[in-house]
Every structure is written in C-alpha cells, then in structure tokens.
C-alpha cells in the first residue's frame, strides 16, 4: 500500500475497468506505474510505466 498514489480512476479513454496509479523509487528516480485489473478472469494490465513527470503523492507513506 505504501507505493499507492491514486485510484480507482475511471478509464474514460478506453471504457475499461478502473485504473490505479503507483510509484516506486528505483536507483534514485521516481517511476510512475499505471495499471488496470483488466476484464474478469484475465491478468492485470500495465497501461503506463515511465519516470514520473511530476512529484507523486503517496497517501499511505
């Protein structure tokens, strides 16, 4: 939970399941990770994975 940043967020672009945002510091750089749980009985999908463009907020840290 400590890497959680935002979500659930409605996927208005694709009309799919809700999106969740996480962040992780790797080698001193913050990485932005956006996932969706996907459709029932299918795996989680990584929508976006890149260095963060802005400082992220972690409500549970």
PDB file of N, CA and C in Angstrom:
ATOM      1  N   UNK A   1       0.809  -1.207   0.000  1.00  0.00           N
ATOM      2  CA  UNK A   1       0.000   0.000   0.000  1.00  0.00           C
ATOM      3  C   UNK A   1       0.848   1.265   0.000  1.00  0.00           C
ATOM      4  N   UNK A   2       2.077   1.193   0.482  1.00  0.00           N
ATOM      5  CA  UNK A   2       2.859   2.425   0.584  1.00  0.00           C
ATOM      6  C   UNK A   2       3.255   2.989  -0.774  1.00  0.00           C
ATOM      7  N   UNK A   3       3.205   2.197  -1.851  1.00  0.00           N
ATOM      8  CA  UNK A   3       3.512   2.680  -3.203  1.00  0.00           C
ATOM      9  C   UNK A   3       2.271   3.178  -3.927  1.00  0.00           C
ATOM     10  N   UNK A   4       1.109   3.036  -3.301  1.00  0.00           N
ATOM     11  CA  UNK A   4      -0.161   3.501  -3.877  1.00  0.00           C
ATOM     12  C   UNK A   4      -0.150   5.023  -3.966  1.00  0.00           C
ATOM     13  N   UNK A   5      -0.634   5.561  -5.098  1.00  0.00           N
ATOM     14  CA  UNK A   5      -0.724   7.006  -5.258  1.00  0.00           C
ATOM     15  C   UNK A   5      -2.158   7.466  -5.525  1.00  0.00           C
ATOM     16  N   UNK A   6      -2.860   6.829  -6.485  1.00  0.00           N
ATOM     17  CA  UNK A   6      -4.219   7.245  -6.832  1.00  0.00           C
ATOM     18  C   UNK A   6      -5.051   6.059  -7.294  1.00  0.00           C
ATOM     19  N   UNK A   7      -6.349   6.224  -7.205  1.00  0.00           N
ATOM     20  CA  UNK A   7      -7.266   5.236  -7.771  1.00  0.00           C
ATOM     21  C   UNK A   7      -8.312   4.817  -6.764  1.00  0.00           C
ATOM     22  N   UNK A   8      -9.377   4.294  -7.239  1.00  0.00           N
ATOM     23  CA  UNK A   8      -9.646   3.973  -8.640  1.00  0.00           C
ATOM     24  C   UNK A   8     -10.009   5.216  -9.452  1.00  0.00           C
ATOM     25  N   UNK A   9      -9.585   5.214 -10.716  1.00  0.00           N
ATOM     26  CA  UNK A   9      -9.869   6.283 -11.664  1.00  0.00           C
ATOM     27  C   UNK A   9     -10.600   5.659 -12.849  1.00  0.00           C
ATOM     28  N   UNK A  10     -11.707   6.242 -13.253  1.00  0.00           N
ATOM     29  CA  UNK A  10     -12.460   5.714 -14.391  1.00  0.00           C
ATOM     30  C   UNK A  10     -11.632   5.803 -15.663  1.00  0.00           C
ATOM     31  N   UNK A  11     -11.650   4.740 -16.449  1.00  0.00           N
ATOM     32  CA  UNK A  11     -10.944   4.706 -17.733  1.00  0.00           C
ATOM     33  C   UNK A  11     -11.868   5.267 -18.810  1.00  0.00           C
ATOM     34  N   UNK A  12     -11.897   6.593 -18.923  1.00  0.00           N
ATOM     35  CA  UNK A  12     -12.802   7.235 -19.874  1.00  0.00           C
ATOM     36  C   UNK A  12     -12.305   7.107 -21.313  1.00  0.00           C
ATOM     37  N   UNK A  13     -10.999   6.879 -21.512  1.00  0.00           N
ATOM     38  CA  UNK A  13     -10.443   6.758 -22.856  1.00  0.00           C
ATOM     39  C   UNK A  13     -10.853   5.435 -23.504  1.00  0.00           C
ATOM     40  N   UNK A  14     -10.666   4.342 -22.774  1.00  0.00           N
ATOM     41  CA  UNK A  14     -10.935   3.017 -23.337  1.00  0.00           C
ATOM     42  C   UNK A  14     -12.253   2.414 -22.860  1.00  0.00           C
ATOM     43  N   UNK A  15     -12.852   3.003 -21.844  1.00  0.00           N
ATOM     44  CA  UNK A  15     -14.098   2.469 -21.308  1.00  0.00           C
ATOM     45  C   UNK A  15     -13.919   1.144 -20.587  1.00  0.00           C
ATOM     46  N   UNK A  16     -12.706   0.853 -20.156  1.00  0.00           N
ATOM     47  CA  UNK A  16     -12.414  -0.409 -19.472  1.00  0.00           C
ATOM     48  C   UNK A  16     -12.541  -0.276 -17.971  1.00  0.00           C
ATOM     49  N   UNK A  17     -12.013  -1.267 -17.266  1.00  0.00           N
ATOM     50  CA  UNK A  17     -12.042  -1.236 -15.798  1.00  0.00           C
ATOM     51  C   UNK A  17     -11.248  -0.041 -15.242  1.00  0.00           C
ATOM     52  N   UNK A  18     -11.466   0.262 -13.985  1.00  0.00           N
ATOM     53  CA  UNK A  18     -10.792   1.379 -13.320  1.00  0.00           C
ATOM     54  C   UNK A  18      -9.271   1.254 -13.394  1.00  0.00           C
ATOM     55  N   UNK A  19      -8.610   2.407 -13.326  1.00  0.00           N
ATOM     56  CA  UNK A  19      -7.152   2.486 -13.348  1.00  0.00           C
ATOM     57  C   UNK A  19      -6.633   2.794 -11.946  1.00  0.00           C
ATOM     58  N   UNK A  20      -5.431   2.323 -11.664  1.00  0.00           N
ATOM     59  CA  UNK A  20      -4.772   2.537 -10.382  1.00  0.00           C
ATOM     60  C   UNK A  20      -3.353   3.041 -10.650  1.00  0.00           C
ATOM     61  N   UNK A  21      -2.900   4.026  -9.861  1.00  0.00           N
ATOM     62  CA  UNK A  21      -1.585   4.631 -10.039  1.00  0.00           C
ATOM     63  C   UNK A  21      -0.707   4.291  -8.835  1.00  0.00           C
ATOM     64  N   UNK A  22       0.515   3.848  -9.130  1.00  0.00           N
ATOM     65  CA  UNK A  22       1.503   3.542  -8.112  1.00  0.00           C
ATOM     66  C   UNK A  22       2.810   4.208  -8.491  1.00  0.00           C
ATOM     67  N   UNK A  23       3.691   4.369  -7.526  1.00  0.00           N
ATOM     68  CA  UNK A  23       5.019   4.909  -7.785  1.00  0.00           C
ATOM     69  C   UNK A  23       6.050   4.096  -7.037  1.00  0.00           C
ATOM     70  N   UNK A  24       7.251   4.104  -7.566  1.00  0.00           N
ATOM     71  CA  UNK A  24       8.338   3.341  -6.948  1.00  0.00           C
ATOM     72  C   UNK A  24       9.637   4.064  -7.237  1.00  0.00           C
ATOM     73  N   UNK A  25      10.473   4.212  -6.227  1.00  0.00           N
ATOM     74  CA  UNK A  25      11.781   4.814  -6.455  1.00  0.00           C
ATOM     75  C   UNK A  25      12.756   3.711  -6.842  1.00  0.00           C
ATOM     76  N   UNK A  26      13.404   3.894  -7.987  1.00  0.00           N
ATOM     77  CA  UNK A  26      14.380   2.926  -8.481  1.00  0.00           C
ATOM     78  C   UNK A  26      15.654   3.688  -8.824  1.00  0.00           C
ATOM     79  N   UNK A  27      16.733   3.337  -8.140  1.00  0.00           N
ATOM     80  CA  UNK A  27      18.033   3.989  -8.347  1.00  0.00           C
ATOM     81  C   UNK A  27      17.924   5.510  -8.262  1.00  0.00           C
ATOM     82  N   UNK A  28      17.156   5.985  -7.289  1.00  0.00           N
ATOM     83  CA  UNK A  28      17.039   7.414  -7.040  1.00  0.00           C
ATOM     84  C   UNK A  28      16.075   8.165  -7.941  1.00  0.00           C
ATOM     85  N   UNK A  29      15.372   7.461  -8.822  1.00  0.00           N
ATOM     86  CA  UNK A  29      14.395   8.110  -9.705  1.00  0.00           C
ATOM     87  C   UNK A  29      13.014   7.540  -9.429  1.00  0.00           C
ATOM     88  N   UNK A  30      12.025   8.423  -9.437  1.00  0.00           N
ATOM     89  CA  UNK A  30      10.653   8.011  -9.198  1.00  0.00           C
ATOM     90  C   UNK A  30      10.032   7.476 -10.493  1.00  0.00           C
ATOM     91  N   UNK A  31       9.441   6.285 -10.415  1.00  0.00           N
ATOM     92  CA  UNK A  31       8.819   5.645 -11.570  1.00  0.00           C
ATOM     93  C   UNK A  31       7.306   5.650 -11.383  1.00  0.00           C
ATOM     94  N   UNK A  32       6.593   6.065 -12.415  1.00  0.00           N
ATOM     95  CA  UNK A  32       5.131   6.141 -12.452  1.00  0.00           C
ATOM     96  C   UNK A  32       4.609   4.842 -13.067  1.00  0.00           C
ATOM     97  N   UNK A  33       3.664   4.196 -12.390  1.00  0.00           N
ATOM     98  CA  UNK A  33       3.114   2.923 -12.849  1.00  0.00           C
ATOM     99  C   UNK A  33       1.594   3.020 -12.834  1.00  0.00           C
ATOM    100  N   UNK A  34       0.969   2.810 -13.988  1.00  0.00           N
ATOM    101  CA  UNK A  34      -0.494   2.830 -14.084  1.00  0.00           C
ATOM    102  C   UNK A  34      -0.951   1.444 -14.537  1.00  0.00           C
ATOM    103  N   UNK A  35      -1.877   0.848 -13.769  1.00  0.00           N
ATOM    104  CA  UNK A  35      -2.374  -0.486 -14.099  1.00  0.00           C
ATOM    105  C   UNK A  35      -3.900  -0.505 -14.118  1.00  0.00           C
ATOM    106  N   UNK A  36      -4.442  -1.535 -14.736  1.00  0.00           N
ATOM    107  CA  UNK A  36      -5.859  -1.843 -14.650  1.00  0.00           C
ATOM    108  C   UNK A  36      -5.966  -3.325 -14.319  1.00  0.00           C
ATOM    109  N   UNK A  37      -6.992  -3.679 -13.593  1.00  0.00           N
ATOM    110  CA  UNK A  37      -7.166  -5.085 -13.241  1.00  0.00           C
ATOM    111  C   UNK A  37      -7.630  -5.909 -14.432  1.00  0.00           C
ATOM    112  N   UNK A  38      -7.985  -5.259 -15.528  1.00  0.00           N
ATOM    113  CA  UNK A  38      -8.404  -5.988 -16.722  1.00  0.00           C
ATOM    114  C   UNK A  38      -9.808  -6.552 -16.572  1.00  0.00           C
ATOM    115  N   UNK A  39     -10.196  -7.323 -17.532  1.00  0.00           N
ATOM    116  CA  UNK A  39     -11.508  -7.956 -17.515  1.00  0.00           C
ATOM    117  C   UNK A  39     -11.492  -9.154 -16.573  1.00  0.00           C
ATOM    118  N   UNK A  40     -12.661  -9.573 -16.067  1.00  0.00           N
ATOM    119  CA  UNK A  40     -12.705 -10.732 -15.171  1.00  0.00           C
ATOM    120  C   UNK A  40     -12.019 -11.948 -15.801  1.00  0.00           C
ATOM    121  N   UNK A  41     -11.299 -12.682 -14.978  1.00  0.00           N
ATOM    122  CA  UNK A  41     -10.567 -13.899 -15.367  1.00  0.00           C
ATOM    123  C   UNK A  41      -9.419 -13.642 -16.338  1.00  0.00           C
ATOM    124  N   UNK A  42      -8.939 -12.396 -16.415  1.00  0.00           N
ATOM    125  CA  UNK A  42      -7.772 -12.051 -17.223  1.00  0.00           C
ATOM    126  C   UNK A  42      -6.747 -11.369 -16.333  1.00  0.00           C
ATOM    127  N   UNK A  43      -5.473 -11.360 -16.737  1.00  0.00           N
ATOM    128  CA  UNK A  43      -4.438 -10.772 -15.881  1.00  0.00           C
ATOM    129  C   UNK A  43      -4.506  -9.249 -15.813  1.00  0.00           C
ATOM    130  N   UNK A  44      -3.850  -8.711 -14.799  1.00  0.00           N
ATOM    131  CA  UNK A  44      -3.672  -7.271 -14.653  1.00  0.00           C
ATOM    132  C   UNK A  44      -2.870  -6.744 -15.839  1.00  0.00           C
ATOM    133  N   UNK A  45      -3.198  -5.532 -16.293  1.00  0.00           N
ATOM    134  CA  UNK A  45      -2.530  -4.944 -17.448  1.00  0.00           C
ATOM    135  C   UNK A  45      -1.788  -3.682 -17.023  1.00  0.00           C
ATOM    136  N   UNK A  46      -0.525  -3.576 -17.400  1.00  0.00           N
ATOM    137  CA  UNK A  46       0.251  -2.357 -17.166  1.00  0.00           C
ATOM    138  C   UNK A  46      -0.031  -1.398 -18.316  1.00  0.00           C
ATOM    139  N   UNK A  47      -0.633  -0.257 -18.009  1.00  0.00           N
ATOM    140  CA  UNK A  47      -1.002   0.737 -19.013  1.00  0.00           C
ATOM    141  C   UNK A  47       0.159   1.686 -19.292  1.00  0.00           C
ATOM    142  N   UNK A  48       0.900   2.054 -18.238  1.00  0.00           N
ATOM    143  CA  UNK A  48       1.975   3.026 -18.382  1.00  0.00           C
ATOM    144  C   UNK A  48       3.050   2.754 -17.342  1.00  0.00           C
ATOM    145  N   UNK A  49       4.311   2.887 -17.754  1.00  0.00           N
ATOM    146  CA  UNK A  49       5.441   2.622 -16.871  1.00  0.00           C
ATOM    147  C   UNK A  49       6.594   3.498 -17.356  1.00  0.00           C
ATOM    148  N   UNK A  50       6.899   4.578 -16.611  1.00  0.00           N
ATOM    149  CA  UNK A  50       7.944   5.504 -17.038  1.00  0.00           C
ATOM    150  C   UNK A  50       8.384   6.361 -15.859  1.00  0.00           C
ATOM    151  N   UNK A  51       9.483   7.108 -16.031  1.00  0.00           N
ATOM    152  CA  UNK A  51       9.889   8.049 -14.996  1.00  0.00           C
ATOM    153  C   UNK A  51       8.783   9.077 -14.824  1.00  0.00           C
ATOM    154  N   UNK A  52       8.511   9.451 -13.593  1.00  0.00           N
ATOM    155  CA  UNK A  52       7.454  10.404 -13.289  1.00  0.00           C
ATOM    156  C   UNK A  52       7.794  11.789 -13.838  1.00  0.00           C
ATOM    157  N   UNK A  53       6.804  12.431 -14.439  1.00  0.00           N
ATOM    158  CA  UNK A  53       6.989  13.789 -14.949  1.00  0.00           C
ATOM    159  C   UNK A  53       6.849  14.842 -13.853  1.00  0.00           C
ATOM    160  N   UNK A  54       6.179  14.479 -12.755  1.00  0.00           N
ATOM    161  CA  UNK A  54       5.934  15.382 -11.636  1.00  0.00           C
ATOM    162  C   UNK A  54       6.104  14.604 -10.344  1.00  0.00           C
ATOM    163  N   UNK A  55       6.388  15.289  -9.230  1.00  0.00           N
ATOM    164  CA  UNK A  55       6.440  14.583  -7.949  1.00  0.00           C
ATOM    165  C   UNK A  55       5.094  13.917  -7.661  1.00  0.00           C
ATOM    166  N   UNK A  56       5.148  12.699  -7.159  1.00  0.00           N
ATOM    167  CA  UNK A  56       3.916  11.951  -6.874  1.00  0.00           C
ATOM    168  C   UNK A  56       3.564  12.049  -5.402  1.00  0.00           C
ATOM    169  N   UNK A  57       2.287  11.894  -5.106  1.00  0.00           N
ATOM    170  CA  UNK A  57       1.752  11.928  -3.747  1.00  0.00           C
ATOM    171  C   UNK A  57       1.411  10.496  -3.320  1.00  0.00           C
ATOM    172  N   UNK A  58       1.834  10.111  -2.115  1.00  0.00           N
ATOM    173  CA  UNK A  58       1.576   8.775  -1.582  1.00  0.00           C
ATOM    174  C   UNK A  58       0.800   8.916  -0.278  1.00  0.00           C
ATOM    175  N   UNK A  59      -0.508   8.749  -0.301  1.00  0.00           N
ATOM    176  CA  UNK A  59      -1.306   8.992   0.897  1.00  0.00           C
ATOM    177  C   UNK A  59      -1.048   8.021   2.053  1.00  0.00           C
ATOM    178  N   UNK A  60      -0.443   6.874   1.806  1.00  0.00           N
ATOM    179  CA  UNK A  60      -0.226   5.893   2.872  1.00  0.00           C
ATOM    180  C   UNK A  60       1.230   5.798   3.326  1.00  0.00           C
ATOM    181  N   UNK A  61       2.098   6.683   2.844  1.00  0.00           N
ATOM    182  CA  UNK A  61       3.502   6.674   3.299  1.00  0.00           C
ATOM    183  C   UNK A  61       3.639   7.475   4.555  1.00  0.00           C
TER     184      UNK A  61
END
